[in-house]
Amino acid sequence: MASGSVIKRADLGADSMQDVMKSSRHYLKEVLCEEGAVIPPYVALAVRPNPGICEYVKVNAGDLEVVYILDQVKALEEELLLRIKQHGVAVKPNILVVTRLIADAKQTKRDQELEPIFKTKHSYILRVLSRHQKESFFANGGFLANRKKPIIFSMVRLSKMKNITGLTELYGKNKKLRSLVNLVVVTGFFDPAKSEDREETMEIERMHSLIEKYQLKGQFRWIAAQIDRCRKGELYRCIADTWGAFAQPAPYEGFGLTVVEALTCALPTFATNEGGLAEMIVDGVSGFLIDPNNGNESSNKTSDFFERCKEES
């Protein structure tokens, strides 16, 4: 397969490949062989201007129809399988067509990271976030790919004592819980450079590392700390409207104003059994008490609740 250093424009009697395409798309299709490589934003395709001679052209992917590119991939796979069989090699090829991931795809498959190409066995479309998209993901706190799922919601100060990173890690580890709900947290800054508190800075950095470690994009939304009381109230009501729940992850809480606010908005609430909240919540009646020293039990209790809700809905 040709690399970027050896790709060159074939001399096809035109000043550029775009001119060739504009003058005769039919001719273009005739000279293209089954070999090709995708090098975003270009597609490198082998051409045979003369029998037995292969050269390479580099074409902007936007100038080619997507369907035609996938046809070339199908032909490439067939050719590779044939040559591998002829040489008696016991390997299977893997072909990746790399393109941009679009988070809010709206009834298309452009939000899927890996998609099999139709009528092939070893070829896939791989969609990746561009550098700009990655920066946008952290600047805007992520996104929710499936907005129909209920939401676990938490709004606390970003500190070790409030343990919002602990909640994020428990969610990341529990595959069953992640399949049932999304996680939305309202806390701190996205950018550690904006914080003047050393402990908060460390927690921000840990939050980012957890997002990467457990691949939470599409299931996790991080909203910056809110000071507008009206907006905070709307957040509780919005989560309640989606049949979500509130989680208070601190190992110990004396009173817990956010828990009172969540209960006032009729949000099912999960809170620590250590401290004043144990007197405020009747477990299984007005909310759910969780053991801060047993993370797996706590996350399983939460997932069991949402599973029952799903079965009863």
Protein backbone atom coordinates (compact mmCIF):
# COMPACT_ATOMS: atom_id res chain seq x y z
CA MET A 1 0.00 0.00 0.00
CA ALA A 2 1.36 3.38 -0.89
CA SER A 3 2.39 5.76 1.86
CA GLY A 4 2.12 9.54 1.79
CA SER A 5 5.74 9.88 0.63
CA VAL A 6 5.32 7.84 -2.57
CA ILE A 7 1.86 8.95 -3.65
CA LYS A 8 2.04 11.02 -6.83
CA ARG A 9 -0.37 12.36 -9.40
CA ALA A 10 -0.56 10.24 -12.50
CA ASP A 11 -0.01 12.00 -15.80
CA LEU A 12 -3.47 11.67 -17.26
CA GLY A 13 -3.32 14.57 -19.69
CA ALA A 14 -4.79 17.14 -17.28
CA ASP A 15 -3.43 19.79 -14.93
CA SER A 16 -5.02 18.24 -11.86
CA MET A 17 -7.02 15.25 -10.74
CA GLN A 18 -10.01 17.53 -10.23
CA ASP A 19 -9.85 18.50 -13.91
CA VAL A 20 -9.86 14.83 -14.87
CA MET A 21 -12.91 14.20 -12.75
CA LYS A 22 -14.76 17.20 -14.13
CA SER A 23 -14.01 16.32 -17.74
CA SER A 24 -14.75 12.61 -17.61
CA ARG A 25 -16.02 10.77 -14.55
CA HIS A 26 -16.48 7.71 -16.77
CA TYR A 27 -12.80 7.75 -17.70
CA LEU A 28 -11.84 8.07 -14.06
CA LYS A 29 -13.80 4.96 -13.18
CA GLU A 30 -12.16 3.03 -15.99
CA VAL A 31 -8.58 3.80 -14.92
CA LEU A 32 -9.10 3.10 -11.22
CA CYS A 33 -8.03 -0.35 -10.16
CA GLU A 34 -8.98 -2.28 -7.02
CA GLU A 35 -6.18 -0.86 -4.88
CA GLY A 36 -6.60 2.14 -2.61
CA ALA A 37 -5.89 3.69 0.74
CA VAL A 38 -7.65 6.34 2.78
CA ILE A 39 -5.41 9.08 4.17
CA PRO A 40 -7.74 11.80 5.53
CA PRO A 41 -8.60 14.19 4.07
CA TYR A 42 -7.42 12.34 0.98
CA VAL A 43 -8.18 9.05 -0.70
CA ALA A 44 -5.17 7.50 -2.40
CA LEU A 45 -6.20 5.38 -5.36
CA ALA A 46 -4.06 3.32 -7.71
CA VAL A 47 -4.52 3.94 -11.42
CA ARG A 48 -3.28 2.07 -14.47
CA PRO A 49 -2.74 4.60 -17.27
CA ASN A 50 -1.11 1.81 -19.26
CA PRO A 51 -1.39 -1.99 -18.96
CA GLY A 52 0.93 -3.36 -16.29
CA ILE A 53 1.87 0.09 -14.93
CA CYS A 54 0.54 1.34 -11.59
CA GLU A 55 0.81 4.88 -10.35
CA TYR A 56 -1.00 6.65 -7.52
CA VAL A 57 -3.11 9.75 -7.39
CA LYS A 58 -4.14 11.68 -4.31
CA VAL A 59 -7.72 12.90 -4.47
CA ASN A 60 -9.58 15.06 -1.99
CA ALA A 61 -12.17 12.79 -0.36
CA GLY A 62 -14.80 15.47 -0.76
CA ASP A 63 -14.54 15.14 -4.54
CA LEU A 64 -15.53 11.48 -4.54
CA GLU A 65 -18.89 9.98 -3.85
CA VAL A 66 -18.93 7.96 -0.60
CA VAL A 67 -20.66 5.04 -2.27
CA TYR A 68 -17.94 4.88 -4.90
CA ILE A 69 -15.22 4.82 -2.24
CA LEU A 70 -16.92 1.92 -0.48
CA ASP A 71 -17.20 0.09 -3.79
CA GLN A 72 -13.44 0.44 -4.13
CA VAL A 73 -12.96 -0.94 -0.62
CA LYS A 74 -15.11 -3.96 -1.46
CA ALA A 75 -13.05 -4.59 -4.60
CA LEU A 76 -9.81 -4.11 -2.62
CA GLU A 77 -10.86 -6.70 -0.05
CA GLU A 78 -11.73 -9.22 -2.76
CA GLU A 79 -8.37 -8.65 -4.46
CA LEU A 80 -6.44 -9.00 -1.19
CA LEU A 81 -8.25 -12.22 -0.29
CA LEU A 82 -7.50 -13.62 -3.73
CA ARG A 83 -3.80 -12.77 -3.56
CA ILE A 84 -3.47 -14.09 -0.02
CA LYS A 85 -5.07 -17.36 -1.11
CA GLN A 86 -2.78 -17.60 -4.14
CA HIS A 87 0.29 -17.18 -1.93
CA GLY A 88 -0.96 -19.72 0.61
CA VAL A 89 -0.75 -17.31 3.53
CA ALA A 90 -3.05 -17.97 6.51
CA VAL A 91 -3.98 -14.37 7.32
CA LYS A 92 -7.07 -12.21 7.00
CA PRO A 93 -6.83 -8.59 5.87
CA ASN A 94 -8.35 -5.71 7.83
CA ILE A 95 -9.28 -2.57 5.93
CA LEU A 96 -10.21 0.65 7.73
CA VAL A 97 -11.77 3.67 6.10
CA VAL A 98 -11.08 6.52 8.51
CA THR A 99 -13.47 9.44 8.70
CA ARG A 100 -14.79 11.99 11.19
CA LEU A 101 -17.08 11.07 14.08
CA ILE A 102 -20.21 13.21 14.35
CA ALA A 103 -21.68 13.02 17.84
CA ASP A 104 -25.16 14.36 17.10
CA ALA A 105 -25.75 12.31 13.96
CA LYS A 106 -29.58 12.31 14.09
CA GLN A 107 -30.86 9.09 12.50
CA THR A 108 -27.60 8.27 10.73
CA LYS A 109 -24.69 6.03 11.67
CA ARG A 110 -22.11 8.80 11.77
CA ASP A 111 -21.98 8.64 15.57
CA GLN A 112 -20.82 4.99 15.52
CA GLU A 113 -17.08 4.56 16.05
CA LEU A 114 -16.80 1.29 14.11
CA GLU A 115 -19.23 0.19 11.40
CA PRO A 116 -18.88 -2.89 9.15
CA ILE A 117 -18.94 -2.02 5.45
CA PHE A 118 -21.87 -3.62 3.64
CA LYS A 119 -21.09 -6.77 1.64
CA THR A 120 -17.59 -7.12 3.11
CA LYS A 121 -16.17 -9.39 5.80
CA HIS A 122 -13.00 -7.61 6.85
CA SER A 123 -13.62 -3.92 6.09
CA TYR A 124 -14.87 -1.24 8.44
CA ILE A 125 -15.52 2.46 8.68
CA LEU A 126 -13.59 3.87 11.65
CA ARG A 127 -14.86 7.24 12.87
CA VAL A 128 -12.61 9.30 15.11
CA LEU A 129 -12.80 12.65 16.86
CA SER A 130 -10.67 15.29 15.22
CA ARG A 131 -8.33 17.34 17.37
CA HIS A 132 -10.84 20.18 17.31
CA GLN A 133 -13.64 17.83 18.37
CA LYS A 134 -11.57 16.48 21.28
CA GLU A 135 -10.92 20.01 22.49
CA SER A 136 -14.63 20.77 22.08
CA PHE A 137 -15.54 17.64 24.06
CA PHE A 138 -13.65 18.84 27.10
CA ALA A 139 -14.58 22.50 26.61
CA ASN A 140 -18.27 21.63 26.57
CA GLY A 141 -18.16 18.75 29.02
CA GLY A 142 -19.00 15.91 26.65
CA PHE A 143 -22.30 14.83 25.15
CA LEU A 144 -25.04 12.22 25.50
CA ALA A 145 -25.35 10.02 22.43
CA ASN A 146 -28.60 8.40 23.58
CA ARG A 147 -30.77 11.06 25.16
CA LYS A 148 -33.65 8.65 25.69
CA LYS A 149 -31.81 6.96 28.55
CA PRO A 150 -32.54 8.11 32.12
CA ILE A 151 -29.89 10.21 33.85
CA ILE A 152 -28.03 9.84 37.11
CA PHE A 153 -27.47 13.41 38.21
CA SER A 154 -25.18 14.91 40.82
CA MET A 155 -24.44 18.54 41.71
CA VAL A 156 -21.71 19.02 44.31
CA ARG A 157 -18.48 20.88 44.91
CA LEU A 158 -15.49 19.34 43.15
CA SER A 159 -13.44 18.10 46.10
CA LYS A 160 -12.22 14.82 47.52
CA MET A 161 -14.71 15.09 50.37
CA LYS A 162 -17.70 15.34 47.98
CA ASN A 163 -16.30 12.37 45.97
CA ILE A 164 -17.77 13.24 42.56
CA THR A 165 -14.80 11.53 40.89
CA GLY A 166 -15.60 8.42 42.94
CA LEU A 167 -19.14 8.45 41.51
CA THR A 168 -17.73 8.82 38.00
CA GLU A 169 -15.40 5.86 38.50
CA LEU A 170 -18.16 3.63 39.92
CA TYR A 171 -20.29 4.47 36.89
CA GLY A 172 -17.39 3.77 34.52
CA LYS A 173 -16.75 0.35 36.06
CA ASN A 174 -20.38 -0.84 36.07
CA LYS A 175 -21.24 -1.97 32.53
CA LYS A 176 -24.83 -2.82 33.47
CA LEU A 177 -25.41 0.64 34.91
CA ARG A 178 -23.88 2.31 31.85
CA SER A 179 -26.19 0.35 29.57
CA LEU A 180 -29.21 1.64 31.48
CA VAL A 181 -28.44 5.30 32.21
CA ASN A 182 -26.27 8.29 31.38
CA LEU A 183 -24.30 10.25 33.98
CA VAL A 184 -24.52 14.06 34.29
CA VAL A 185 -22.49 15.97 36.88
CA VAL A 186 -22.55 19.66 37.71
CA THR A 187 -19.28 20.58 39.37
CA GLY A 188 -16.15 22.71 39.17
CA PHE A 189 -14.29 23.82 36.04
CA PHE A 190 -13.40 21.76 32.94
CA ASP A 191 -9.99 23.41 32.65
CA PRO A 192 -7.67 22.82 35.64
CA ALA A 193 -5.84 26.05 34.80
CA LYS A 194 -8.95 28.03 35.76
CA SER A 195 -8.98 26.72 39.30
CA GLU A 196 -7.01 28.44 42.05
CA ASP A 197 -7.55 25.58 44.48
CA ARG A 198 -4.90 22.84 44.46
CA GLU A 199 -7.27 20.08 45.57
CA GLU A 200 -9.87 21.05 42.97
CA THR A 201 -7.19 21.15 40.27
CA MET A 202 -6.16 17.59 41.13
CA GLU A 203 -9.80 16.45 41.05
CA ILE A 204 -10.35 18.09 37.64
CA GLU A 205 -7.32 16.27 36.25
CA ARG A 206 -8.54 13.00 37.77
CA MET A 207 -11.97 13.52 36.21
CA HIS A 208 -10.41 13.93 32.77
CA SER A 209 -8.32 10.79 33.26
CA LEU A 210 -11.43 8.80 34.25
CA ILE A 211 -13.26 9.96 31.12
CA GLU A 212 -10.40 8.64 29.01
CA LYS A 213 -9.83 5.47 31.03
CA TYR A 214 -13.44 4.28 30.89
CA GLN A 215 -14.24 5.77 27.47
CA LEU A 216 -17.23 7.72 28.76
CA LYS A 217 -17.82 9.92 25.74
CA GLY A 218 -21.42 9.68 24.64
CA GLN A 219 -22.58 8.59 28.11
CA PHE A 220 -21.26 11.39 30.28
CA ARG A 221 -22.00 15.12 30.50
CA TRP A 222 -19.99 17.49 32.67
CA ILE A 223 -21.62 20.86 33.32
CA ALA A 224 -19.65 23.63 35.01
CA ALA A 225 -20.65 24.66 38.54
CA GLN A 226 -23.81 26.78 38.56
CA ILE A 227 -24.47 29.89 40.66
CA ASP A 228 -27.82 30.80 39.11
CA ARG A 229 -30.44 29.40 41.51
CA CYS A 230 -33.18 29.39 38.89
CA ARG A 231 -31.04 27.36 36.51
CA LYS A 232 -30.12 24.92 39.27
CA GLY A 233 -33.81 24.36 39.96
CA GLU A 234 -34.48 23.76 36.27
CA LEU A 235 -31.72 21.14 36.20
CA TYR A 236 -33.44 19.12 38.94
CA ARG A 237 -36.80 19.32 37.17
CA CYS A 238 -35.26 18.41 33.81
CA ILE A 239 -33.70 15.25 35.26
CA ALA A 240 -37.02 14.36 36.96
CA ASP A 241 -38.83 14.72 33.61
CA THR A 242 -36.45 12.16 32.06
CA TRP A 243 -37.15 9.63 34.87
CA GLY A 244 -33.66 10.09 36.23
CA ALA A 245 -32.28 10.05 39.77
CA PHE A 246 -30.03 12.13 42.01
CA ALA A 247 -26.85 10.75 43.59
CA GLN A 248 -24.99 12.26 46.53
CA PRO A 249 -21.62 10.43 46.54
CA ALA A 250 -19.92 11.96 49.60
CA PRO A 251 -18.78 9.35 52.18
CA TYR A 252 -20.27 11.54 54.93
CA GLU A 253 -22.81 14.36 54.81
CA GLY A 254 -24.11 16.29 57.80
CA PHE A 255 -27.16 17.81 56.12
CA GLY A 256 -27.00 17.90 52.32
CA LEU A 257 -28.86 20.82 50.77
CA THR A 258 -28.72 19.28 47.28
CA VAL A 259 -30.45 16.16 48.61
CA VAL A 260 -33.28 18.30 50.02
CA GLU A 261 -33.56 20.09 46.65
CA ALA A 262 -33.66 16.77 44.77
CA LEU A 263 -36.32 15.30 47.06
CA THR A 264 -38.40 18.48 46.70
CA CYS A 265 -38.36 17.95 42.93
CA ALA A 266 -39.52 14.33 43.39
CA LEU A 267 -36.21 12.90 42.19
CA PRO A 268 -35.36 9.37 43.38
CA THR A 269 -32.30 9.99 45.51
CA PHE A 270 -29.28 7.85 46.40
CA ALA A 271 -27.29 9.15 49.37
CA THR A 272 -24.76 7.99 51.93
CA ASN A 273 -25.96 6.16 55.02
CA GLU A 274 -23.36 8.03 57.07
CA GLY A 275 -24.42 11.29 58.75
CA GLY A 276 -27.62 13.30 58.80
CA LEU A 277 -29.01 11.92 55.53
CA ALA A 278 -29.68 8.57 57.19
CA GLU A 279 -32.25 10.38 59.34
CA MET A 280 -33.72 12.27 56.40
CA ILE A 281 -34.23 9.30 54.04
CA VAL A 282 -36.20 6.13 54.73
CA ASP A 283 -34.36 3.51 52.64
CA GLY A 284 -36.55 2.16 49.86
CA VAL A 285 -39.40 4.56 50.69
CA SER A 286 -38.33 8.19 50.35
CA GLY A 287 -34.99 7.40 48.76
CA PHE A 288 -32.11 4.95 48.88
CA LEU A 289 -29.22 4.80 51.34
CA ILE A 290 -25.91 3.49 50.05
CA ASP A 291 -22.79 2.32 51.83
CA PRO A 292 -19.90 4.70 50.97
CA ASN A 293 -17.43 1.97 51.91
CA ASN A 294 -18.84 -0.53 49.41
CA GLY A 295 -18.75 0.98 45.94
CA ASN A 296 -19.77 -2.15 44.06
CA GLU A 297 -22.82 -2.69 46.26
CA SER A 298 -23.82 0.96 45.80
CA SER A 299 -23.54 0.91 42.00
CA ASN A 300 -25.36 -2.44 41.80
CA LYS A 301 -28.16 -1.09 43.98
CA THR A 302 -28.49 1.84 41.58
CA SER A 303 -28.47 -0.34 38.47
CA ASP A 304 -31.06 -2.70 39.99
CA PHE A 305 -33.35 0.28 40.60
CA PHE A 306 -33.13 1.47 36.99
CA GLU A 307 -33.57 -2.07 35.71
CA ARG A 308 -36.80 -2.41 37.67
CA CYS A 309 -37.97 0.94 36.36
CA LYS A 310 -37.28 -0.21 32.81
CA GLU A 311 -39.20 -3.45 33.31
CA GLU A 312 -42.18 -1.66 34.84
CA SER A 313 -42.35 1.12 32.26
